C-alpha atoms as a PDB file:
ATOM      1  CA  UNK A   1       0.146  -0.056   0.196  1.00  0.00           C
ATOM      2  CA  UNK A   2       1.378   3.548  -0.997  1.00  0.00           C
ATOM      3  CA  UNK A   3       0.503   6.200   1.471  1.00  0.00           C
ATOM      4  CA  UNK A   4       0.101   9.373  -0.988  1.00  0.00           C
ATOM      5  CA  UNK A   5      -0.515  12.825   0.386  1.00  0.00           C
ATOM      6  CA  UNK A   6      -1.409  11.855   3.839  1.00  0.00           C
ATOM      7  CA  UNK A   7       0.089  14.630   6.189  1.00  0.00           C
ATOM      8  CA  UNK A   8      -0.111  15.369   9.904  1.00  0.00           C
ATOM      9  CA  UNK A   9       0.489  18.443  12.077  1.00  0.00           C
ATOM     10  CA  UNK A  10       1.987  18.337  15.640  1.00  0.00           C
ATOM     11  CA  UNK A  11       3.441  19.941  18.391  1.00  0.00           C
ATOM     12  CA  UNK A  12       6.708  18.846  20.794  1.00  0.00           C
ATOM     13  CA  UNK A  13       7.814  20.284  23.907  1.00  0.00           C
ATOM     14  CA  UNK A  14      11.733  19.224  25.182  1.00  0.00           C
ATOM     15  CA  UNK A  15      12.473  20.563  28.368  1.00  0.00           C
ATOM     16  CA  UNK A  16      16.437  21.403  28.448  1.00  0.00           C
ATOM     17  CA  UNK A  17      17.210  18.215  30.224  1.00  0.00           C
ATOM     18  CA  UNK A  18      15.619  16.206  27.455  1.00  0.00           C
ATOM     19  CA  UNK A  19      16.886  18.208  24.567  1.00  0.00           C
ATOM     20  CA  UNK A  20      20.546  17.667  25.676  1.00  0.00           C
ATOM     21  CA  UNK A  21      19.673  13.733  24.910  1.00  0.00           C
ATOM     22  CA  UNK A  22      18.426  14.610  21.456  1.00  0.00           C
ATOM     23  CA  UNK A  23      20.360  12.733  18.632  1.00  0.00           C
ATOM     24  CA  UNK A  24      22.264  15.253  15.817  1.00  0.00           C
ATOM     25  CA  UNK A  25      19.875  13.993  13.168  1.00  0.00           C
ATOM     26  CA  UNK A  26      16.767  14.707  14.963  1.00  0.00           C
ATOM     27  CA  UNK A  27      17.912  18.326  15.593  1.00  0.00           C
ATOM     28  CA  UNK A  28      17.903  18.916  11.975  1.00  0.00           C
ATOM     29  CA  UNK A  29      14.319  18.093  11.932  1.00  0.00           C
ATOM     30  CA  UNK A  30      13.747  20.448  14.690  1.00  0.00           C
ATOM     31  CA  UNK A  31      15.401  23.229  12.212  1.00  0.00           C
ATOM     32  CA  UNK A  32      12.562  22.760   9.787  1.00  0.00           C
ATOM     33  CA  UNK A  33      10.035  22.945  12.231  1.00  0.00           C
ATOM     34  CA  UNK A  34       8.340  26.165  13.981  1.00  0.00           C
ATOM     35  CA  UNK A  35       9.826  27.181  17.201  1.00  0.00           C
ATOM     36  CA  UNK A  36       6.710  28.593  18.830  1.00  0.00           C
ATOM     37  CA  UNK A  37       8.108  29.188  22.262  1.00  0.00           C
ATOM     38  CA  UNK A  38      10.955  28.169  24.359  1.00  0.00           C
ATOM     39  CA  UNK A  39      11.425  24.468  24.084  1.00  0.00           C
ATOM     40  CA  UNK A  40       8.264  24.097  21.973  1.00  0.00           C
ATOM     41  CA  UNK A  41       8.171  23.266  18.171  1.00  0.00           C
ATOM     42  CA  UNK A  42       5.450  22.410  15.824  1.00  0.00           C
ATOM     43  CA  UNK A  43       5.098  20.947  12.248  1.00  0.00           C
ATOM     44  CA  UNK A  44       2.663  20.895   9.673  1.00  0.00           C
ATOM     45  CA  UNK A  45       2.693  18.425   6.549  1.00  0.00           C
ATOM     46  CA  UNK A  46       4.679  15.786   7.886  1.00  0.00           C
ATOM     47  CA  UNK A  47       4.334  12.359   6.831  1.00  0.00           C
ATOM     48  CA  UNK A  48       4.246  10.184   9.737  1.00  0.00           C
ATOM     49  CA  UNK A  49       4.227   6.752   8.434  1.00  0.00           C
ATOM     50  CA  UNK A  50       5.505   3.454  10.108  1.00  0.00           C
ATOM     51  CA  UNK A  51       8.810   2.296   8.295  1.00  0.00           C
ATOM     52  CA  UNK A  52       9.835   5.903   7.418  1.00  0.00           C
ATOM     53  CA  UNK A  53      13.472   6.557   8.869  1.00  0.00           C
ATOM     54  CA  UNK A  54      12.828   9.528  10.443  1.00  0.00           C
ATOM     55  CA  UNK A  55       9.651   8.523  12.146  1.00  0.00           C
ATOM     56  CA  UNK A  56      11.442   5.302  13.570  1.00  0.00           C
ATOM     57  CA  UNK A  57      14.336   7.749  14.789  1.00  0.00           C
ATOM     58  CA  UNK A  58      11.781   9.757  16.470  1.00  0.00           C
ATOM     59  CA  UNK A  59       9.829   6.827  17.934  1.00  0.00           C
ATOM     60  CA  UNK A  60      13.166   5.565  19.167  1.00  0.00           C
ATOM     61  CA  UNK A  61      14.178   8.637  21.010  1.00  0.00           C
ATOM     62  CA  UNK A  62      10.630   8.856  22.890  1.00  0.00           C
ATOM     63  CA  UNK A  63      11.267   5.418  23.732  1.00  0.00           C
ATOM     64  CA  UNK A  64      14.629   6.395  25.501  1.00  0.00           C
ATOM     65  CA  UNK A  65      12.714   9.438  27.173  1.00  0.00           C
ATOM     66  CA  UNK A  66      10.236   7.023  28.757  1.00  0.00           C
ATOM     67  CA  UNK A  67      12.820   4.351  29.815  1.00  0.00           C
ATOM     68  CA  UNK A  68      15.162   7.176  31.321  1.00  0.00           C
ATOM     69  CA  UNK A  69      12.065   9.205  32.583  1.00  0.00           C
ATOM     70  CA  UNK A  70      12.859  12.389  30.443  1.00  0.00           C
ATOM     71  CA  UNK A  71      10.178  14.854  30.246  1.00  0.00           C
ATOM     72  CA  UNK A  72       8.399  15.445  26.707  1.00  0.00           C
ATOM     73  CA  UNK A  73       4.955  16.417  25.345  1.00  0.00           C
ATOM     74  CA  UNK A  74       3.994  15.138  21.764  1.00  0.00           C
ATOM     75  CA  UNK A  75       0.838  15.402  20.044  1.00  0.00           C
ATOM     76  CA  UNK A  76       0.203  14.465  16.392  1.00  0.00           C
ATOM     77  CA  UNK A  77      -3.156  14.640  14.538  1.00  0.00           C
ATOM     78  CA  UNK A  78      -3.514  13.301  11.014  1.00  0.00           C
ATOM     79  CA  UNK A  79      -5.963  14.090   8.390  1.00  0.00           C
ATOM     80  CA  UNK A  80      -8.613  11.544   9.426  1.00  0.00           C
ATOM     81  CA  UNK A  81     -10.951  12.377  12.876  1.00  0.00           C
ATOM     82  CA  UNK A  82      -9.752   9.377  14.746  1.00  0.00           C
ATOM     83  CA  UNK A  83      -5.801   9.694  14.145  1.00  0.00           C
ATOM     84  CA  UNK A  84      -4.672  11.507  17.164  1.00  0.00           C
ATOM     85  CA  UNK A  85      -1.530  10.550  19.278  1.00  0.00           C
ATOM     86  CA  UNK A  86      -0.879  11.950  22.402  1.00  0.00           C
ATOM     87  CA  UNK A  87       1.837  11.440  24.757  1.00  0.00           C
ATOM     88  CA  UNK A  88       2.122  14.266  27.268  1.00  0.00           C
ATOM     89  CA  UNK A  89       2.955  15.837  30.496  1.00  0.00           C
ATOM     90  CA  UNK A  90       0.046  18.296  30.150  1.00  0.00           C
ATOM     91  CA  UNK A  91       1.669  20.942  28.044  1.00  0.00           C
ATOM     92  CA  UNK A  92      -0.770  20.629  25.126  1.00  0.00           C
ATOM     93  CA  UNK A  93      -4.158  19.836  25.117  1.00  0.00           C
ATOM     94  CA  UNK A  94      -6.585  19.510  21.807  1.00  0.00           C
ATOM     95  CA  UNK A  95      -9.670  21.678  21.475  1.00  0.00           C
ATOM     96  CA  UNK A  96     -12.217  20.917  18.782  1.00  0.00           C
ATOM     97  CA  UNK A  97     -14.455  23.657  17.436  1.00  0.00           C
ATOM     98  CA  UNK A  98     -16.841  24.133  14.873  1.00  0.00           C
ATOM     99  CA  UNK A  99     -16.699  26.857  12.431  1.00  0.00           C
ATOM    100  CA  UNK A 100     -19.070  28.371  10.257  1.00  0.00           C
ATOM    101  CA  UNK A 101     -18.065  29.227   6.824  1.00  0.00           C
ATOM    102  CA  UNK A 102     -19.960  32.211   5.223  1.00  0.00           C
ATOM    103  CA  UNK A 103     -19.113  31.492   1.404  1.00  0.00           C
ATOM    104  CA  UNK A 104     -22.979  30.989   1.433  1.00  0.00           C
ATOM    105  CA  UNK A 105     -25.603  33.534   2.340  1.00  0.00           C
ATOM    106  CA  UNK A 106     -26.943  32.009   5.008  1.00  0.00           C
ATOM    107  CA  UNK A 107     -30.555  33.309   4.376  1.00  0.00           C
ATOM    108  CA  UNK A 108     -30.906  32.198   0.771  1.00  0.00           C
ATOM    109  CA  UNK A 109     -28.361  29.439   0.596  1.00  0.00           C
ATOM    110  CA  UNK A 110     -26.648  31.325  -2.612  1.00  0.00           C
ATOM    111  CA  UNK A 111     -22.950  31.906  -3.252  1.00  0.00           C
ATOM    112  CA  UNK A 112     -21.868  35.390  -2.027  1.00  0.00           C
END
């Protein structure tokens, strides 16, 4: 099966102690992601598939963090409504909202 076009968004928090353990090759990923706050990065359009080398390296790092009781916060949301992964210390939370797009006149149903 070929995965085409499926993308995830996500956020990552690594406190200084955990950041010191980050492998060099993963530092390159952080340089591509947006740093929102101190020690907080976000990404969009990331292909997060099992079997991808970069994904395997991140999962290995997260295992290392768990085994060594290093703090981190990680959330990833895929395109499907049920594709949400969270492993966190409470830094991030997901908020669901429903928005109204006004490309239609809401009284007549005609395009504006």
